[in-house]
Amino acid sequence: QLQLVESGGGSVQSGGSLTLSCVVSGNIASAVSMAWFRQPSGKEREGVARIANDGIKTYATFVKGRFTISRDNAKNTLNLQMKSLKPEDTAMYYCAQMKNRQLTVTSVVSWGQGTQVTVTS
């Protein structure tokens, strides 16, 4: 089980950009896949993007074309570049180690503590 620490959250205006980072303690290459989830206040946690250890990526429909997930195995980091942000992207964002290639909460092995993203209109 990997230890995960996110950073990079903050407040940005609608249309702006942010890049989230997740530092992984342990060998990120050992993970079947890594993912980003988010949880808006008062709502359920949902999958945002996933990258498998072969580099194949999956995105939620609501972020396709705006967000890019990447991993650097040499630096043991997972990143999420977010562009064209909308107020509805406001949420706590979580890094996650996955046990398979599904982008579901039930497939998560370990969670980071989260980083808040707030998009103002």
Protein backbone atom coordinates (compact mmCIF):
# COMPACT_ATOMS: atom_id res chain seq x y z
CA GLN A 1 0.00 0.00 0.00
CA LEU A 2 1.41 3.35 -1.07
CA GLN A 3 1.34 6.55 0.97
CA LEU A 4 -0.02 9.51 -0.99
CA VAL A 5 0.27 13.26 -0.39
CA GLU A 6 -1.49 15.76 -2.67
CA SER A 7 -0.66 19.41 -3.25
CA GLY A 8 -1.43 22.17 -5.72
CA GLY A 9 -5.00 22.99 -4.87
CA GLY A 10 -6.24 26.54 -4.48
CA SER A 11 -8.72 29.11 -5.66
CA VAL A 12 -8.92 30.09 -9.33
CA GLN A 13 -11.33 31.99 -11.53
CA SER A 14 -13.54 30.26 -14.05
CA GLY A 15 -11.54 29.48 -17.18
CA GLY A 16 -8.29 29.26 -15.25
CA SER A 17 -5.86 26.41 -14.76
CA LEU A 18 -4.31 24.44 -11.91
CA THR A 19 -1.98 21.48 -11.69
CA LEU A 20 -2.34 19.03 -8.83
CA SER A 21 0.52 16.81 -7.75
CA CYS A 22 0.61 13.64 -5.69
CA VAL A 23 3.86 12.50 -4.13
CA VAL A 24 3.96 8.76 -3.66
CA SER A 25 5.93 7.07 -0.88
CA GLY A 26 6.84 3.73 -2.32
CA ASN A 27 7.24 2.51 -5.85
CA ILE A 28 4.51 4.06 -7.99
CA ALA A 29 5.39 1.61 -10.76
CA SER A 30 4.12 -1.19 -8.54
CA ALA A 31 0.57 0.17 -8.70
CA VAL A 32 -1.77 -1.42 -11.25
CA SER A 33 -3.08 2.07 -11.84
CA MET A 34 -3.30 5.47 -10.17
CA ALA A 35 -6.21 7.84 -10.22
CA TRP A 36 -7.69 11.16 -9.21
CA PHE A 37 -11.10 11.42 -7.58
CA ARG A 38 -13.04 14.43 -6.38
CA GLN A 39 -15.77 15.08 -3.88
CA PRO A 40 -17.85 18.25 -4.04
CA SER A 41 -19.22 19.40 -0.72
CA GLY A 42 -22.28 17.37 0.21
CA LYS A 43 -21.92 14.99 -2.72
CA GLU A 44 -20.42 11.56 -3.33
CA ARG A 45 -16.82 11.00 -4.33
CA GLU A 46 -16.41 10.46 -8.08
CA GLY A 47 -13.66 9.32 -10.38
CA VAL A 48 -11.95 11.98 -12.50
CA ALA A 49 -9.10 10.24 -14.33
CA ARG A 50 -7.02 7.08 -14.19
CA ILE A 51 -3.66 6.05 -15.64
CA ALA A 52 -2.60 2.43 -15.74
CA ASN A 53 0.98 1.21 -15.39
CA ASP A 54 1.09 0.73 -19.17
CA GLY A 55 0.22 4.39 -19.66
CA ILE A 56 -3.37 3.92 -20.81
CA LYS A 57 -5.59 6.74 -19.55
CA THR A 58 -9.28 6.97 -18.80
CA TYR A 59 -11.22 10.16 -18.13
CA ALA A 60 -14.64 10.92 -16.78
CA THR A 61 -16.86 12.43 -19.43
CA PHE A 62 -17.16 15.71 -17.58
CA VAL A 63 -13.39 16.42 -17.75
CA LYS A 64 -12.46 15.05 -21.16
CA GLY A 65 -10.43 17.53 -23.17
CA ARG A 66 -9.87 19.76 -20.14
CA PHE A 67 -7.88 17.60 -17.71
CA THR A 68 -4.72 15.58 -18.32
CA ILE A 69 -3.43 12.88 -15.99
CA SER A 70 0.23 11.90 -16.02
CA ARG A 71 2.66 9.91 -13.91
CA ASP A 72 6.42 10.11 -13.51
CA ASN A 73 7.68 6.77 -12.29
CA ALA A 74 11.21 8.11 -11.82
CA LYS A 75 9.98 10.86 -9.49
CA ASN A 76 7.17 8.79 -7.95
CA THR A 77 4.60 11.46 -8.70
CA LEU A 78 1.12 11.60 -10.18
CA ASN A 79 -0.15 14.83 -11.71
CA LEU A 80 -3.44 16.28 -12.89
CA GLN A 81 -3.34 19.27 -15.20
CA MET A 82 -6.67 21.08 -15.16
CA LYS A 83 -7.61 23.70 -17.75
CA SER A 84 -10.77 25.62 -18.58
CA LEU A 85 -11.93 25.15 -15.01
CA LYS A 86 -15.58 25.66 -14.20
CA PRO A 87 -17.33 26.46 -10.91
CA GLU A 88 -18.75 22.91 -10.95
CA ASP A 89 -15.16 21.59 -10.75
CA THR A 90 -15.02 22.91 -7.17
CA ALA A 91 -14.29 19.95 -4.91
CA MET A 92 -11.77 18.21 -2.72
CA TYR A 93 -9.46 16.28 -5.04
CA TYR A 94 -7.92 12.99 -3.96
CA CYS A 95 -5.05 10.93 -5.29
CA ALA A 96 -5.66 7.18 -5.16
CA GLN A 97 -3.85 3.90 -5.64
CA MET A 98 -6.07 1.46 -7.53
CA LYS A 99 -6.27 -2.35 -7.39
CA ASN A 100 -7.48 -2.63 -10.98
CA ARG A 101 -8.21 -0.50 -14.04
CA GLN A 102 -11.68 0.55 -12.96
CA LEU A 103 -12.31 4.15 -11.95
CA THR A 104 -14.55 3.42 -8.99
CA VAL A 105 -14.32 4.11 -5.27
CA THR A 106 -14.57 0.39 -4.53
CA SER A 107 -11.36 -0.22 -6.51
CA VAL A 108 -9.25 2.10 -4.36
CA VAL A 109 -6.44 0.60 -2.28
CA SER A 110 -5.29 3.80 -0.60
CA TRP A 111 -6.22 7.49 -0.52
CA GLY A 112 -4.33 10.71 -0.06
CA GLN A 113 -5.64 13.34 2.36
CA GLY A 114 -7.00 15.56 -0.42
CA THR A 115 -6.41 19.06 -1.73
CA GLN A 116 -9.17 21.64 -2.16
CA VAL A 117 -9.89 23.22 -5.54
CA THR A 118 -12.26 26.18 -5.65
CA VAL A 119 -13.34 27.75 -8.93
CA THR A 120 -15.08 31.11 -8.72
CA SER A 121 -17.30 32.61 -11.39
